[in-house]
Amino acid sequence: MATDFSRTLSLLRQEKGVSQRKAAGELGISQALLSHYENGIREPGLAFVVKACTYYHVSADFLLGRTLNRDGSIIEAEDVYDSSGEKGSLRGSILATLQKKLVVNTTGVLFELLGKTGDREAITAAGDYLGDALYQLLRQLYRQGGGNEDLFAVAPSVFDGGLVAADMQLCALRYRQALAAQEGMPELTPESLTGQPGVGQSAAQVFHSVDERCKSYQH
């Protein structure tokens, strides 16, 4: 428990934007003890876990690393529908089918490599980052199609103000920090990214497209 719990506890405090001293005071413990919890030196009792869940508005399962969902719902990997193997699911649009394959295949490369690191925080941050991107794209499309935005908990004005985009940047920061703290990172080569049978070509195409777009901005 120490590894997942301590890392999550520290990240939640940083996300909340409070100092260790302030968090400790509001949780009713000393700063030294909170530091021990966040660094995995000591494990807390049930009473502290309950307080921390209330303070950070997350479930105990999330805090203990048993689920990636803050509300505590547990999704098993085998229960998630996988559409990557379907053919013809985007009929009528060759371009849409191509873009879907490029994104799905390249995402597969990313998470296969992340899985080898075993870094839960990096994997979670990467998923959250991509989730934010999809949320924004789908919500804009839904809006233009006349959809009722009561479906979403984030108010339209707050969404337009850039809250989800800001969360996306925070996810990118969490991702960089997690990788920077990783010990024993497996060595990667160009072949690791583009040499995987089938999906490597998609990753190479994504890299090329992004490089070309970004190079054009430099002129």
Protein backbone atom coordinates (compact mmCIF):
# COMPACT_ATOMS: atom_id res chain seq x y z
CA MET A 1 0.00 0.00 0.00
CA ALA A 2 2.79 2.40 0.81
CA THR A 3 3.89 3.08 -2.75
CA ASP A 4 0.51 3.81 -4.35
CA PHE A 5 -1.01 5.38 -1.24
CA SER A 6 1.90 7.69 -0.44
CA ARG A 7 2.28 8.86 -4.04
CA THR A 8 -1.44 9.51 -4.44
CA LEU A 9 -1.63 11.31 -1.09
CA SER A 10 1.20 13.65 -2.08
CA LEU A 11 -0.19 14.29 -5.56
CA LEU A 12 -3.66 15.09 -4.21
CA ARG A 13 -2.20 17.69 -1.87
CA GLN A 14 -0.20 19.28 -4.68
CA GLU A 15 -3.27 19.24 -6.91
CA LYS A 16 -5.25 20.97 -4.16
CA GLY A 17 -2.54 23.62 -4.02
CA VAL A 18 -1.91 23.54 -0.28
CA SER A 19 1.31 23.29 1.67
CA GLN A 20 2.16 20.21 3.67
CA ARG A 21 1.83 22.25 6.85
CA LYS A 22 -1.66 23.49 5.98
CA ALA A 23 -2.87 20.06 4.88
CA ALA A 24 -1.52 18.47 8.05
CA GLY A 25 -3.29 21.05 10.22
CA GLU A 26 -6.62 20.55 8.45
CA LEU A 27 -6.23 16.78 8.69
CA GLY A 28 -5.49 17.02 12.40
CA ILE A 29 -1.97 15.61 12.39
CA SER A 30 1.56 17.00 12.55
CA GLN A 31 3.44 18.04 9.43
CA ALA A 32 6.13 15.50 10.26
CA LEU A 33 3.60 12.66 10.35
CA LEU A 34 2.02 13.75 7.07
CA SER A 35 5.50 13.87 5.53
CA HIS A 36 6.05 10.28 6.69
CA TYR A 37 2.76 9.22 5.10
CA GLU A 38 3.54 10.98 1.83
CA ASN A 39 7.01 9.47 1.63
CA GLY A 40 5.90 5.96 2.49
CA ILE A 41 7.86 5.87 5.75
CA ARG A 42 4.78 5.09 7.84
CA GLU A 43 1.32 3.76 7.07
CA PRO A 44 -1.73 5.52 8.50
CA GLY A 45 -4.65 4.08 10.37
CA LEU A 46 -8.21 3.85 9.07
CA ALA A 47 -9.26 7.09 10.78
CA PHE A 48 -6.71 9.10 8.80
CA VAL A 49 -7.68 7.43 5.51
CA VAL A 50 -11.31 8.43 6.10
CA LYS A 51 -10.28 12.03 6.88
CA ALA A 52 -8.05 12.21 3.82
CA CYS A 53 -10.83 10.90 1.57
CA THR A 54 -13.18 13.59 2.85
CA TYR A 55 -10.53 16.30 2.61
CA TYR A 56 -9.55 15.48 -0.97
CA HIS A 57 -13.03 14.40 -2.10
CA VAL A 58 -11.96 10.98 -3.32
CA SER A 59 -12.89 7.41 -2.48
CA ALA A 60 -10.77 5.15 -0.29
CA ASP A 61 -10.31 2.81 -3.26
CA PHE A 62 -8.77 5.66 -5.26
CA LEU A 63 -6.55 6.75 -2.39
CA LEU A 64 -5.34 3.18 -1.86
CA GLY A 65 -4.65 2.65 -5.55
CA ARG A 66 -7.42 0.11 -6.19
CA THR A 67 -9.14 2.16 -8.89
CA LEU A 68 -8.34 5.00 -11.27
CA ASN A 69 -11.77 6.54 -10.67
CA ARG A 70 -12.00 9.07 -7.88
CA ASP A 71 -15.58 8.15 -7.06
CA GLY A 72 -14.51 4.59 -6.32
CA SER A 73 -16.08 2.75 -9.23
CA ILE A 74 -13.79 -0.06 -10.28
CA ILE A 75 -13.46 -0.79 -13.99
CA GLU A 76 -11.77 -4.02 -14.93
CA ALA A 77 -9.66 -3.88 -18.09
CA GLU A 78 -11.44 -6.88 -19.59
CA ASP A 79 -14.81 -5.18 -19.09
CA VAL A 80 -13.93 -2.20 -21.27
CA TYR A 81 -15.18 -2.53 -24.83
CA ASP A 82 -12.36 -2.55 -27.39
CA SER A 83 -13.34 -1.23 -30.81
CA SER A 84 -9.81 -1.27 -32.22
CA GLY A 85 -10.37 -4.53 -34.06
CA GLU A 86 -13.57 -3.49 -35.78
CA LYS A 87 -13.64 -2.88 -39.52
CA GLY A 88 -15.93 -0.50 -41.34
CA SER A 89 -17.17 1.20 -38.17
CA LEU A 90 -16.73 4.65 -39.75
CA ARG A 91 -18.50 4.05 -43.04
CA GLY A 92 -18.61 6.86 -45.53
CA SER A 93 -15.43 8.58 -44.38
CA ILE A 94 -12.08 7.20 -45.44
CA LEU A 95 -10.32 10.13 -43.77
CA ALA A 96 -12.10 9.54 -40.45
CA THR A 97 -11.21 5.85 -40.58
CA LEU A 98 -7.58 6.67 -41.29
CA GLN A 99 -7.34 9.18 -38.46
CA LYS A 100 -8.98 6.76 -36.04
CA LYS A 101 -6.47 4.04 -36.90
CA LEU A 102 -3.52 6.41 -36.53
CA VAL A 103 -4.70 7.59 -33.12
CA VAL A 104 -5.72 4.16 -31.82
CA ASN A 105 -2.51 2.48 -32.98
CA THR A 106 -0.24 5.22 -31.65
CA THR A 107 -2.09 5.23 -28.33
CA GLY A 108 -1.49 1.51 -28.19
CA VAL A 109 2.25 2.05 -28.63
CA LEU A 110 2.24 4.63 -25.84
CA PHE A 111 0.45 2.48 -23.27
CA GLU A 112 2.36 -0.67 -24.16
CA LEU A 113 5.62 1.17 -23.42
CA LEU A 114 4.19 2.82 -20.30
CA GLY A 115 3.01 -0.57 -19.10
CA LYS A 116 6.60 -1.80 -19.16
CA THR A 117 7.63 0.98 -16.77
CA GLY A 118 5.02 -0.10 -14.22
CA ASP A 119 4.61 3.57 -13.27
CA ARG A 120 0.98 3.94 -12.16
CA GLU A 121 1.12 7.74 -11.95
CA ALA A 122 2.58 8.15 -15.44
CA ILE A 123 -0.03 5.77 -16.88
CA THR A 124 -2.85 7.56 -15.08
CA ALA A 125 -1.61 11.02 -16.10
CA ALA A 126 -1.31 9.93 -19.74
CA GLY A 127 -4.86 8.57 -19.69
CA ASP A 128 -6.17 11.72 -18.02
CA TYR A 129 -4.37 13.93 -20.57
CA LEU A 130 -5.84 12.05 -23.52
CA GLY A 131 -9.24 11.97 -21.80
CA ASP A 132 -9.19 15.75 -21.50
CA ALA A 133 -8.37 16.07 -25.21
CA LEU A 134 -11.22 13.76 -26.19
CA TYR A 135 -13.60 15.49 -23.76
CA GLN A 136 -12.95 18.86 -25.38
CA LEU A 137 -13.26 17.60 -28.95
CA LEU A 138 -16.43 15.64 -28.29
CA ARG A 139 -18.06 18.39 -26.25
CA GLN A 140 -17.46 20.97 -28.98
CA LEU A 141 -18.92 18.59 -31.56
CA TYR A 142 -21.87 17.79 -29.30
CA ARG A 143 -22.48 21.51 -28.77
CA GLN A 144 -22.48 22.27 -32.48
CA GLY A 145 -24.94 19.43 -32.98
CA GLY A 146 -27.39 21.13 -30.61
CA GLY A 147 -26.84 18.76 -27.70
CA ASN A 148 -28.04 19.71 -24.22
CA GLU A 149 -24.91 20.45 -22.20
CA ASP A 150 -26.63 19.47 -18.95
CA LEU A 151 -25.00 16.13 -19.73
CA PHE A 152 -21.72 17.59 -18.46
CA ALA A 153 -20.92 18.57 -14.88
CA VAL A 154 -18.55 21.37 -15.96
CA ALA A 155 -20.67 24.44 -16.75
CA PRO A 156 -20.44 25.77 -20.34
CA SER A 157 -19.00 29.10 -19.20
CA VAL A 158 -16.31 27.36 -17.17
CA PHE A 159 -15.55 24.99 -20.04
CA ASP A 160 -15.22 27.95 -22.42
CA GLY A 161 -12.97 29.62 -19.85
CA GLY A 162 -10.46 26.83 -20.32
CA LEU A 163 -10.83 24.72 -17.18
CA VAL A 164 -10.54 21.38 -18.99
CA ALA A 165 -7.65 22.71 -21.08
CA ALA A 166 -5.93 23.79 -17.84
CA ASP A 167 -6.46 20.33 -16.35
CA MET A 168 -4.89 18.90 -19.50
CA GLN A 169 -1.75 20.96 -18.88
CA LEU A 170 -1.66 19.82 -15.25
CA CYS A 171 -1.90 16.22 -16.44
CA ALA A 172 1.07 16.87 -18.74
CA LEU A 173 3.00 18.21 -15.74
CA ARG A 174 2.10 15.16 -13.64
CA TYR A 175 3.23 12.94 -16.51
CA ARG A 176 6.62 14.65 -16.80
CA GLN A 177 7.15 14.57 -13.04
CA ALA A 178 6.25 10.88 -12.83
CA LEU A 179 8.67 9.95 -15.61
CA ALA A 180 11.42 12.13 -14.12
CA ALA A 181 11.07 10.28 -10.80
CA GLN A 182 11.08 6.87 -12.46
CA GLU A 183 14.00 4.62 -11.56
CA GLY A 184 15.22 1.92 -13.88
CA MET A 185 13.46 3.31 -16.95
CA PRO A 186 13.77 0.78 -19.79
CA GLU A 187 16.01 1.99 -22.60
CA LEU A 188 14.09 3.14 -25.65
CA THR A 189 15.24 3.42 -29.25
CA PRO A 190 13.59 4.69 -32.45
CA GLU A 191 12.60 1.09 -33.11
CA SER A 192 10.74 1.02 -29.79
CA LEU A 193 8.44 3.75 -31.08
CA THR A 194 8.15 3.01 -34.77
CA GLY A 195 9.32 -0.57 -35.19
CA GLN A 196 6.41 -2.44 -33.65
CA PRO A 197 4.68 -4.60 -36.27
CA GLY A 198 1.49 -3.01 -37.56
CA VAL A 199 1.23 -0.10 -35.17
CA GLY A 200 4.74 1.32 -35.58
CA GLN A 201 3.90 2.77 -38.98
CA SER A 202 1.00 4.71 -37.44
CA ALA A 203 3.24 6.17 -34.74
CA ALA A 204 5.79 7.21 -37.37
CA GLN A 205 3.05 8.92 -39.38
CA VAL A 206 1.78 10.80 -36.31
CA PHE A 207 5.31 11.97 -35.49
CA HIS A 208 5.85 13.14 -39.07
CA SER A 209 2.54 15.02 -39.24
CA VAL A 210 3.12 16.84 -35.95
CA ASP A 211 6.71 17.66 -36.87
CA GLU A 212 5.64 19.11 -40.22
CA ARG A 213 2.87 21.24 -38.70
CA CYS A 214 5.10 22.57 -35.97
CA LYS A 215 7.98 23.27 -38.36
CA SER A 216 5.66 25.44 -40.44
CA TYR A 217 4.99 27.65 -37.41
CA GLN A 218 8.67 28.43 -37.06
CA HIS A 219 8.89 30.28 -40.37
